[in-house]
Amino acid sequence: MANPGQLPGGVFTSVPGMPGPPQQQQQQQRPFIPQPPTGLVTQLSSPAKEVNTASLCKIGQELVQDIVQKTQEVFQTLKIMQLPNGVTVNAQSFQDRKVKLEELRMTLIMNFRKLRVIYNKVIENTVMFEEHPIEDLLPIEEDGEVKGETPKLTEAVKYMSEEHKLYADQIRLKNHQLKDIIDQLRTIIWEINTMMVMRK
């Protein structure tokens, strides 16, 4: 026996008061999910507008900050909402908060999708770079020995280092001269005090 609302050949028709086929129910219950931001993908992949990797990282940082800010707004909105447990709730304010939460949710979904596109683009741009462990890039001292990549000295750094060494030697010499002068002054003051005592 055919189901109500089913025509020969397995074709379903909508009957008032009767649920539709399972696939139609799933489509009605499935929430709306926005599509990936194709405009951002086209802009990033366009050869006419080549985007720098550093600018991509900056855009990604701004997206992460926006995601954190929107998430805080979601929690603040949920914090001030009251459960309908015998408390009189204003329907208009409840509807406004619901709309605001839906907007925040959609914005977060779009930001995460944009962040995924930027992440893939950055990985694509940096795939040719050689990967080194972080420990090899940082000069770490262990047991008195510096391990890792040593900093490359440029001509300016070498010049400043030699100049610093020269000034340090001059300051050391001036300190030695000042110490000799102070010792001589102490000796003279001690002799003057001794002569004054002898006169008395």
C-alpha atoms as a PDB file:
ATOM      1  CA  MET A   1       0.000   0.000   0.000  1.00  0.00           C
ATOM      2  CA  ALA A   2       1.391   3.363  -0.969  1.00  0.00           C
ATOM      3  CA  ASN A   3       2.056   5.955   1.720  1.00  0.00           C
ATOM      4  CA  PRO A   4      -0.221   8.997   1.914  1.00  0.00           C
ATOM      5  CA  GLY A   5       1.101  11.705  -0.324  1.00  0.00           C
ATOM      6  CA  GLN A   6       3.084   9.244  -2.481  1.00  0.00           C
ATOM      7  CA  LEU A   7       2.265   8.913  -6.138  1.00  0.00           C
ATOM      8  CA  PRO A   8       3.139   5.945  -8.308  1.00  0.00           C
ATOM      9  CA  GLY A   9       6.837   5.888  -9.064  1.00  0.00           C
ATOM     10  CA  GLY A  10       7.855   6.977  -5.572  1.00  0.00           C
ATOM     11  CA  VAL A  11       7.076  10.687  -6.090  1.00  0.00           C
ATOM     12  CA  PHE A  12       6.114  12.479  -2.885  1.00  0.00           C
ATOM     13  CA  THR A  13       3.604  15.277  -2.699  1.00  0.00           C
ATOM     14  CA  SER A  14       2.926  17.570   0.230  1.00  0.00           C
ATOM     15  CA  VAL A  15      -0.247  16.700   2.109  1.00  0.00           C
ATOM     16  CA  PRO A  16      -1.562  19.140   4.736  1.00  0.00           C
ATOM     17  CA  GLY A  17      -1.056  17.823   8.239  1.00  0.00           C
ATOM     18  CA  MET A  18       1.293  15.047   7.146  1.00  0.00           C
ATOM     19  CA  PRO A  19       5.068  15.130   7.533  1.00  0.00           C
ATOM     20  CA  GLY A  20       7.063  15.192   4.336  1.00  0.00           C
ATOM     21  CA  PRO A  21       9.710  12.678   3.295  1.00  0.00           C
ATOM     22  CA  PRO A  22      12.765  12.210   5.511  1.00  0.00           C
ATOM     23  CA  GLN A  23      15.059  14.130   3.188  1.00  0.00           C
ATOM     24  CA  GLN A  24      12.707  17.092   3.165  1.00  0.00           C
ATOM     25  CA  GLN A  25      12.554  17.061   6.985  1.00  0.00           C
ATOM     26  CA  GLN A  26      16.349  17.060   7.215  1.00  0.00           C
ATOM     27  CA  GLN A  27      16.572  20.005   4.852  1.00  0.00           C
ATOM     28  CA  GLN A  28      14.036  21.938   6.908  1.00  0.00           C
ATOM     29  CA  GLN A  29      15.841  21.209  10.204  1.00  0.00           C
ATOM     30  CA  ARG A  30      19.345  21.884   8.879  1.00  0.00           C
ATOM     31  CA  PRO A  31      20.548  25.364   9.974  1.00  0.00           C
ATOM     32  CA  PHE A  32      21.724  27.850   7.404  1.00  0.00           C
ATOM     33  CA  ILE A  33      25.507  27.820   7.061  1.00  0.00           C
ATOM     34  CA  PRO A  34      27.088  30.614   5.053  1.00  0.00           C
ATOM     35  CA  GLN A  35      29.236  29.708   2.089  1.00  0.00           C
ATOM     36  CA  PRO A  36      32.983  30.348   2.131  1.00  0.00           C
ATOM     37  CA  PRO A  37      33.940  33.945   1.364  1.00  0.00           C
ATOM     38  CA  THR A  38      34.565  33.543  -2.355  1.00  0.00           C
ATOM     39  CA  GLY A  39      35.382  37.236  -2.686  1.00  0.00           C
ATOM     40  CA  LEU A  40      38.312  36.860  -0.305  1.00  0.00           C
ATOM     41  CA  VAL A  41      39.505  33.736  -2.108  1.00  0.00           C
ATOM     42  CA  THR A  42      39.355  35.520  -5.465  1.00  0.00           C
ATOM     43  CA  GLN A  43      41.175  38.543  -4.079  1.00  0.00           C
ATOM     44  CA  LEU A  44      43.947  36.422  -2.559  1.00  0.00           C
ATOM     45  CA  SER A  45      44.372  34.229  -5.639  1.00  0.00           C
ATOM     46  CA  SER A  46      44.197  37.052  -8.179  1.00  0.00           C
ATOM     47  CA  PRO A  47      47.551  37.559  -9.929  1.00  0.00           C
ATOM     48  CA  ALA A  48      46.779  41.237 -10.518  1.00  0.00           C
ATOM     49  CA  LYS A  49      46.586  41.896  -6.764  1.00  0.00           C
ATOM     50  CA  GLU A  50      49.383  39.884  -5.200  1.00  0.00           C
ATOM     51  CA  VAL A  51      49.117  40.100  -1.416  1.00  0.00           C
ATOM     52  CA  ASN A  52      52.211  40.142   0.739  1.00  0.00           C
ATOM     53  CA  THR A  53      52.578  37.376   3.335  1.00  0.00           C
ATOM     54  CA  ALA A  54      53.225  39.928   6.068  1.00  0.00           C
ATOM     55  CA  SER A  55      49.990  41.762   5.234  1.00  0.00           C
ATOM     56  CA  LEU A  56      48.156  38.419   5.308  1.00  0.00           C
ATOM     57  CA  CYS A  57      49.502  37.759   8.789  1.00  0.00           C
ATOM     58  CA  LYS A  58      48.382  41.236   9.859  1.00  0.00           C
ATOM     59  CA  ILE A  59      44.879  40.616   8.475  1.00  0.00           C
ATOM     60  CA  GLY A  60      44.813  37.270  10.288  1.00  0.00           C
ATOM     61  CA  GLN A  61      45.811  38.968  13.537  1.00  0.00           C
ATOM     62  CA  GLU A  62      42.978  41.478  13.129  1.00  0.00           C
ATOM     63  CA  LEU A  63      40.553  38.618  12.453  1.00  0.00           C
ATOM     64  CA  VAL A  64      41.672  36.806  15.613  1.00  0.00           C
ATOM     65  CA  GLN A  65      41.177  39.989  17.652  1.00  0.00           C
ATOM     66  CA  ASP A  66      37.709  40.432  16.129  1.00  0.00           C
ATOM     67  CA  ILE A  67      36.851  36.798  16.926  1.00  0.00           C
ATOM     68  CA  VAL A  68      37.889  37.277  20.552  1.00  0.00           C
ATOM     69  CA  GLN A  69      35.876  40.496  20.778  1.00  0.00           C
ATOM     70  CA  LYS A  70      32.749  38.924  19.256  1.00  0.00           C
ATOM     71  CA  THR A  71      33.095  35.918  21.570  1.00  0.00           C
ATOM     72  CA  GLN A  72      33.227  38.236  24.586  1.00  0.00           C
ATOM     73  CA  GLU A  73      30.080  39.964  23.324  1.00  0.00           C
ATOM     74  CA  VAL A  74      28.346  36.586  23.043  1.00  0.00           C
ATOM     75  CA  PHE A  75      29.216  35.691  26.635  1.00  0.00           C
ATOM     76  CA  GLN A  76      28.158  39.124  27.898  1.00  0.00           C
ATOM     77  CA  THR A  77      24.824  38.819  26.102  1.00  0.00           C
ATOM     78  CA  LEU A  78      24.255  35.319  27.507  1.00  0.00           C
ATOM     79  CA  LYS A  79      25.227  36.517  30.973  1.00  0.00           C
ATOM     80  CA  ILE A  80      22.502  39.167  31.142  1.00  0.00           C
ATOM     81  CA  MET A  81      19.809  36.862  29.738  1.00  0.00           C
ATOM     82  CA  GLN A  82      17.394  35.297  32.240  1.00  0.00           C
ATOM     83  CA  LEU A  83      15.884  31.848  31.984  1.00  0.00           C
ATOM     84  CA  PRO A  84      12.068  31.785  31.615  1.00  0.00           C
ATOM     85  CA  ASN A  85      11.531  30.084  34.981  1.00  0.00           C
ATOM     86  CA  GLY A  86       8.432  31.921  36.179  1.00  0.00           C
ATOM     87  CA  VAL A  87       9.969  35.335  35.535  1.00  0.00           C
ATOM     88  CA  THR A  88       8.142  37.811  33.338  1.00  0.00           C
ATOM     89  CA  VAL A  89      10.255  38.233  30.223  1.00  0.00           C
ATOM     90  CA  ASN A  90       9.886  41.087  27.790  1.00  0.00           C
ATOM     91  CA  ALA A  91       9.296  39.443  24.435  1.00  0.00           C
ATOM     92  CA  GLN A  92      10.731  42.341  22.451  1.00  0.00           C
ATOM     93  CA  SER A  93      14.034  42.467  24.363  1.00  0.00           C
ATOM     94  CA  PHE A  94      14.302  38.681  24.196  1.00  0.00           C
ATOM     95  CA  GLN A  95      13.800  38.811  20.429  1.00  0.00           C
ATOM     96  CA  ASP A  96      16.388  41.588  20.072  1.00  0.00           C
ATOM     97  CA  ARG A  97      18.960  39.589  22.027  1.00  0.00           C
ATOM     98  CA  LYS A  98      18.190  36.522  19.951  1.00  0.00           C
ATOM     99  CA  VAL A  99      18.753  38.485  16.741  1.00  0.00           C
ATOM    100  CA  LYS A 100      21.981  39.920  18.139  1.00  0.00           C
ATOM    101  CA  LEU A 101      23.249  36.466  19.082  1.00  0.00           C
ATOM    102  CA  GLU A 102      22.409  35.183  15.600  1.00  0.00           C
ATOM    103  CA  GLU A 103      24.321  38.070  14.012  1.00  0.00           C
ATOM    104  CA  LEU A 104      27.322  37.417  16.259  1.00  0.00           C
ATOM    105  CA  ARG A 105      27.223  33.721  15.391  1.00  0.00           C
ATOM    106  CA  MET A 106      27.162  34.422  11.660  1.00  0.00           C
ATOM    107  CA  THR A 107      30.015  36.934  12.022  1.00  0.00           C
ATOM    108  CA  LEU A 108      32.105  34.401  13.942  1.00  0.00           C
ATOM    109  CA  ILE A 109      31.486  31.738  11.281  1.00  0.00           C
ATOM    110  CA  MET A 110      32.533  34.116   8.502  1.00  0.00           C
ATOM    111  CA  ASN A 111      35.640  35.233  10.434  1.00  0.00           C
ATOM    112  CA  PHE A 112      36.701  31.627  11.008  1.00  0.00           C
ATOM    113  CA  ARG A 113      36.252  30.861   7.317  1.00  0.00           C
ATOM    114  CA  LYS A 114      38.296  33.923   6.336  1.00  0.00           C
ATOM    115  CA  LEU A 115      40.958  32.923   8.839  1.00  0.00           C
ATOM    116  CA  ARG A 116      41.132  29.447   7.307  1.00  0.00           C
ATOM    117  CA  VAL A 117      41.570  30.942   3.810  1.00  0.00           C
ATOM    118  CA  ILE A 118      44.356  33.249   5.043  1.00  0.00           C
ATOM    119  CA  TYR A 119      46.027  30.362   6.876  1.00  0.00           C
ATOM    120  CA  ASN A 120      46.034  28.206   3.732  1.00  0.00           C
ATOM    121  CA  LYS A 121      47.410  31.097   1.679  1.00  0.00           C
ATOM    122  CA  VAL A 122      50.231  31.758   4.166  1.00  0.00           C
ATOM    123  CA  ILE A 123      51.150  28.073   4.248  1.00  0.00           C
ATOM    124  CA  GLU A 124      51.156  28.068   0.452  1.00  0.00           C
ATOM    125  CA  ASN A 125      53.464  31.103   0.325  1.00  0.00           C
ATOM    126  CA  THR A 126      55.889  29.768   2.935  1.00  0.00           C
ATOM    127  CA  VAL A 127      56.040  26.127   1.848  1.00  0.00           C
ATOM    128  CA  MET A 128      59.310  26.719  -0.002  1.00  0.00           C
ATOM    129  CA  PHE A 129      61.084  27.983   3.113  1.00  0.00           C
ATOM    130  CA  GLU A 130      63.305  25.582   4.986  1.00  0.00           C
ATOM    131  CA  GLU A 131      61.864  24.502   8.287  1.00  0.00           C
ATOM    132  CA  HIS A 132      64.149  24.731  11.309  1.00  0.00           C
ATOM    133  CA  PRO A 133      63.326  23.935  14.922  1.00  0.00           C
ATOM    134  CA  ILE A 134      62.936  27.010  17.100  1.00  0.00           C
ATOM    135  CA  GLU A 135      65.803  25.792  19.318  1.00  0.00           C
ATOM    136  CA  ASP A 136      68.168  26.010  16.347  1.00  0.00           C
ATOM    137  CA  LEU A 137      67.147  29.594  15.575  1.00  0.00           C
ATOM    138  CA  LEU A 138      67.649  30.898  19.126  1.00  0.00           C
ATOM    139  CA  PRO A 139      71.104  31.146  20.709  1.00  0.00           C
ATOM    140  CA  ILE A 140      70.599  29.099  23.895  1.00  0.00           C
ATOM    141  CA  GLU A 141      73.406  28.781  26.429  1.00  0.00           C
ATOM    142  CA  GLU A 142      73.836  25.337  27.978  1.00  0.00           C
ATOM    143  CA  ASP A 143      76.769  24.458  30.242  1.00  0.00           C
ATOM    144  CA  GLY A 144      78.617  27.582  29.187  1.00  0.00           C
ATOM    145  CA  GLU A 145      78.257  26.810  25.471  1.00  0.00           C
ATOM    146  CA  VAL A 146      76.002  28.739  23.139  1.00  0.00           C
ATOM    147  CA  LYS A 147      73.978  26.411  20.924  1.00  0.00           C
ATOM    148  CA  GLY A 148      71.894  27.371  17.956  1.00  0.00           C
ATOM    149  CA  GLU A 149      72.343  29.873  15.182  1.00  0.00           C
ATOM    150  CA  THR A 150      74.791  32.610  16.102  1.00  0.00           C
ATOM    151  CA  PRO A 151      73.775  36.146  15.156  1.00  0.00           C
ATOM    152  CA  LYS A 152      75.278  37.354  11.889  1.00  0.00           C
ATOM    153  CA  LEU A 153      77.488  40.394  12.423  1.00  0.00           C
ATOM    154  CA  THR A 154      77.113  43.106   9.827  1.00  0.00           C
ATOM    155  CA  GLU A 155      79.647  45.830   9.112  1.00  0.00           C
ATOM    156  CA  ALA A 156      77.707  48.326  11.210  1.00  0.00           C
ATOM    157  CA  VAL A 157      77.636  45.936  14.175  1.00  0.00           C
ATOM    158  CA  LYS A 158      81.374  45.285  13.893  1.00  0.00           C
ATOM    159  CA  TYR A 159      82.103  49.028  13.726  1.00  0.00           C
ATOM    160  CA  MET A 160      79.914  49.753  16.760  1.00  0.00           C
ATOM    161  CA  SER A 161      81.527  46.884  18.672  1.00  0.00           C
ATOM    162  CA  GLU A 162      85.030  48.219  18.014  1.00  0.00           C
ATOM    163  CA  GLU A 163      83.921  51.729  18.943  1.00  0.00           C
ATOM    164  CA  HIS A 164      82.389  50.425  22.163  1.00  0.00           C
ATOM    165  CA  LYS A 165      85.616  48.635  23.031  1.00  0.00           C
ATOM    166  CA  LEU A 166      87.618  51.830  22.356  1.00  0.00           C
ATOM    167  CA  TYR A 167      85.358  53.928  24.587  1.00  0.00           C
ATOM    168  CA  ALA A 168      85.470  51.282  27.320  1.00  0.00           C
ATOM    169  CA  ASP A 169      89.297  51.398  27.296  1.00  0.00           C
ATOM    170  CA  GLN A 170      89.261  55.208  27.474  1.00  0.00           C
ATOM    171  CA  ILE A 171      86.820  55.175  30.407  1.00  0.00           C
ATOM    172  CA  ARG A 172      88.957  52.575  32.192  1.00  0.00           C
ATOM    173  CA  LEU A 173      92.052  54.791  31.734  1.00  0.00           C
ATOM    174  CA  LYS A 174      90.223  57.890  32.985  1.00  0.00           C
ATOM    175  CA  ASN A 175      89.014  55.991  36.054  1.00  0.00           C
ATOM    176  CA  HIS A 176      92.590  54.957  36.819  1.00  0.00           C
ATOM    177  CA  GLN A 177      93.747  58.568  36.505  1.00  0.00           C
ATOM    178  CA  LEU A 178      90.955  59.786  38.781  1.00  0.00           C
ATOM    179  CA  LYS A 179      91.900  57.163  41.366  1.00  0.00           C
ATOM    180  CA  ASP A 180      95.519  58.396  41.337  1.00  0.00           C
ATOM    181  CA  ILE A 181      94.345  62.009  41.794  1.00  0.00           C
ATOM    182  CA  ILE A 182      92.073  61.041  44.700  1.00  0.00           C
ATOM    183  CA  ASP A 183      94.929  59.152  46.380  1.00  0.00           C
ATOM    184  CA  GLN A 184      97.217  62.182  45.994  1.00  0.00           C
ATOM    185  CA  LEU A 185      94.564  64.501  47.483  1.00  0.00           C
ATOM    186  CA  ARG A 186      94.123  62.159  50.442  1.00  0.00           C
ATOM    187  CA  THR A 187      97.865  62.146  51.020  1.00  0.00           C
ATOM    188  CA  ILE A 188      98.072  65.966  50.884  1.00  0.00           C
ATOM    189  CA  ILE A 189      95.099  66.365  53.276  1.00  0.00           C
ATOM    190  CA  TRP A 190      96.674  63.870  55.683  1.00  0.00           C
ATOM    191  CA  GLU A 191      99.995  65.787  55.641  1.00  0.00           C
ATOM    192  CA  ILE A 192      98.207  69.114  56.225  1.00  0.00           C
ATOM    193  CA  ASN A 193      96.288  67.684  59.179  1.00  0.00           C
ATOM    194  CA  THR A 194      99.537  66.244  60.595  1.00  0.00           C
ATOM    195  CA  MET A 195     101.335  69.615  60.323  1.00  0.00           C
ATOM    196  CA  MET A 196      98.440  71.409  62.031  1.00  0.00           C
ATOM    197  CA  VAL A 197      98.547  68.948  64.922  1.00  0.00           C
ATOM    198  CA  MET A 198     102.311  69.325  65.239  1.00  0.00           C
ATOM    199  CA  ARG A 199     102.017  73.126  65.529  1.00  0.00           C
ATOM    200  CA  LYS A 200      99.645  72.820  68.415  1.00  0.00           C
END
